[in-house]
């Protein structure tokens, strides 16, 4: 297996994807790749691809479709196992623990260290 470049860095103005978090977002995967990563038979993947997306066995799935297939095929497995299967495949794996990050807190809950100077005043009712 060759080294893959990990996509990270600025992904849009004001947005940052930590190392490994943007990988596989635009990739496509064959049924054989999905079966190997999910440790299931290729027939099971073919049935899921046909049933969920109306795809033929020779078609490939997008990263988003691969995420859906983890729910269908590995739905009885813990979240960590499903995420590991997506990572093994090389598909985009959304972080389950990511709600708010630095600079992304809910209004009124952001740290003073990242607030703009104009926002640092206490909120007073008039």
Protein backbone atom coordinates (compact mmCIF):
# COMPACT_ATOMS: atom_id res chain seq x y z
CA UNK A 1 0.00 0.00 0.00
CA UNK A 2 1.48 3.34 -1.02
CA UNK A 3 1.62 6.46 1.05
CA UNK A 4 -1.45 8.66 0.63
CA UNK A 5 -1.31 12.40 0.96
CA UNK A 6 -3.36 13.56 3.92
CA UNK A 7 -5.47 16.55 3.00
CA UNK A 8 -5.42 19.13 5.78
CA UNK A 9 -5.16 22.84 6.19
CA UNK A 10 -7.40 25.68 5.14
CA UNK A 11 -10.35 24.29 3.23
CA UNK A 12 -12.28 27.53 2.81
CA UNK A 13 -11.94 31.07 4.12
CA UNK A 14 -12.07 30.78 7.89
CA UNK A 15 -12.31 26.98 7.96
CA UNK A 16 -9.61 24.51 8.97
CA UNK A 17 -9.55 20.75 8.61
CA UNK A 18 -7.12 19.08 11.03
CA UNK A 19 -4.77 16.45 9.60
CA UNK A 20 -6.70 13.50 8.22
CA UNK A 21 -10.13 15.03 8.61
CA UNK A 22 -10.61 16.02 4.98
CA UNK A 23 -9.29 12.78 3.51
CA UNK A 24 -11.45 10.78 1.15
CA UNK A 25 -14.23 13.35 0.88
CA UNK A 26 -14.26 13.19 -2.93
CA UNK A 27 -13.12 9.59 -3.41
CA UNK A 28 -15.11 6.71 -4.90
CA UNK A 29 -14.89 3.08 -3.82
CA UNK A 30 -15.60 -0.22 -5.57
CA UNK A 31 -17.66 -2.93 -3.90
CA UNK A 32 -14.55 -5.07 -3.36
CA UNK A 33 -12.83 -2.26 -1.47
CA UNK A 34 -15.89 -1.75 0.72
CA UNK A 35 -16.18 -5.49 1.42
CA UNK A 36 -12.51 -5.75 2.41
CA UNK A 37 -12.63 -2.68 4.67
CA UNK A 38 -15.90 -3.74 6.32
CA UNK A 39 -14.78 -7.40 6.63
CA UNK A 40 -17.97 -8.71 4.97
CA UNK A 41 -18.69 -10.69 1.81
CA UNK A 42 -18.84 -8.84 -1.48
CA UNK A 43 -22.35 -10.25 -2.05
CA UNK A 44 -23.54 -8.41 1.06
CA UNK A 45 -22.07 -5.16 -0.28
CA UNK A 46 -23.66 -5.73 -3.70
CA UNK A 47 -27.08 -6.27 -2.10
CA UNK A 48 -26.71 -3.13 0.02
CA UNK A 49 -25.56 -1.03 -2.96
CA UNK A 50 -28.52 -2.24 -5.03
CA UNK A 51 -31.06 -1.92 -2.24
CA UNK A 52 -29.97 1.47 -0.93
CA UNK A 53 -28.84 3.26 -4.08
CA UNK A 54 -30.05 1.19 -7.05
CA UNK A 55 -26.44 0.62 -8.14
CA UNK A 56 -25.07 -2.27 -10.17
CA UNK A 57 -22.28 -4.49 -8.76
CA UNK A 58 -19.75 -2.80 -11.07
CA UNK A 59 -20.64 0.70 -9.85
CA UNK A 60 -18.69 2.56 -7.20
CA UNK A 61 -19.92 4.52 -4.20
CA UNK A 62 -19.01 8.00 -3.02
CA UNK A 63 -17.62 8.71 0.41
CA UNK A 64 -21.07 9.83 1.60
CA UNK A 65 -22.63 6.62 0.25
CA UNK A 66 -19.92 4.60 2.02
CA UNK A 67 -20.92 6.30 5.28
CA UNK A 68 -24.51 5.22 4.65
CA UNK A 69 -23.38 1.67 3.88
CA UNK A 70 -21.66 1.47 7.28
CA UNK A 71 -25.03 2.15 8.90
CA UNK A 72 -26.74 -0.47 6.73
CA UNK A 73 -24.09 -3.20 6.79
CA UNK A 74 -22.46 -2.57 10.18
CA UNK A 75 -25.44 -1.04 11.98
CA UNK A 76 -25.22 -3.60 14.79
CA UNK A 77 -21.58 -2.67 15.48
CA UNK A 78 -20.47 0.05 17.93
CA UNK A 79 -19.76 3.50 16.49
CA UNK A 80 -16.01 3.01 16.92
CA UNK A 81 -16.12 -0.12 14.74
CA UNK A 82 -18.10 1.65 12.03
CA UNK A 83 -15.69 4.60 12.07
CA UNK A 84 -12.71 2.22 11.92
CA UNK A 85 -14.21 0.53 8.84
CA UNK A 86 -14.59 3.90 7.10
CA UNK A 87 -11.02 4.83 8.01
CA UNK A 88 -9.77 1.47 6.74
CA UNK A 89 -11.58 2.16 3.47
CA UNK A 90 -10.08 5.65 3.26
CA UNK A 91 -13.47 7.35 3.15
CA UNK A 92 -14.27 10.60 4.88
CA UNK A 93 -15.03 9.80 8.50
CA UNK A 94 -16.99 12.47 10.35
CA UNK A 95 -15.94 13.05 13.93
CA UNK A 96 -18.63 12.01 16.36
CA UNK A 97 -17.03 14.04 19.16
CA UNK A 98 -16.92 17.33 17.25
CA UNK A 99 -19.63 19.77 18.23
CA UNK A 100 -17.76 22.99 18.86
CA UNK A 101 -14.08 23.76 18.38
CA UNK A 102 -11.91 26.77 18.95
CA UNK A 103 -13.63 29.66 17.27
CA UNK A 104 -16.80 27.61 16.75
CA UNK A 105 -18.52 27.86 20.12
CA UNK A 106 -22.15 28.70 20.48
CA UNK A 107 -22.90 32.42 20.75
CA UNK A 108 -22.12 33.66 24.24
CA UNK A 109 -20.03 30.59 25.11
CA UNK A 110 -16.79 31.37 23.26
CA UNK A 111 -13.58 31.82 25.22
CA UNK A 112 -12.47 35.41 25.83
CA UNK A 113 -9.18 34.51 24.15
CA UNK A 114 -10.81 34.08 20.75
CA UNK A 115 -13.54 36.71 20.97
CA UNK A 116 -13.15 39.86 18.94
CA UNK A 117 -12.32 42.95 20.97
CA UNK A 118 -15.75 44.41 20.23
CA UNK A 119 -17.46 41.28 21.54
CA UNK A 120 -15.64 41.15 24.88
CA UNK A 121 -18.02 43.47 26.73
CA UNK A 122 -20.54 41.82 29.02
CA UNK A 123 -24.01 41.55 27.59
CA UNK A 124 -26.14 44.05 29.54
CA UNK A 125 -29.84 44.51 29.23
CA UNK A 126 -31.09 48.06 28.77
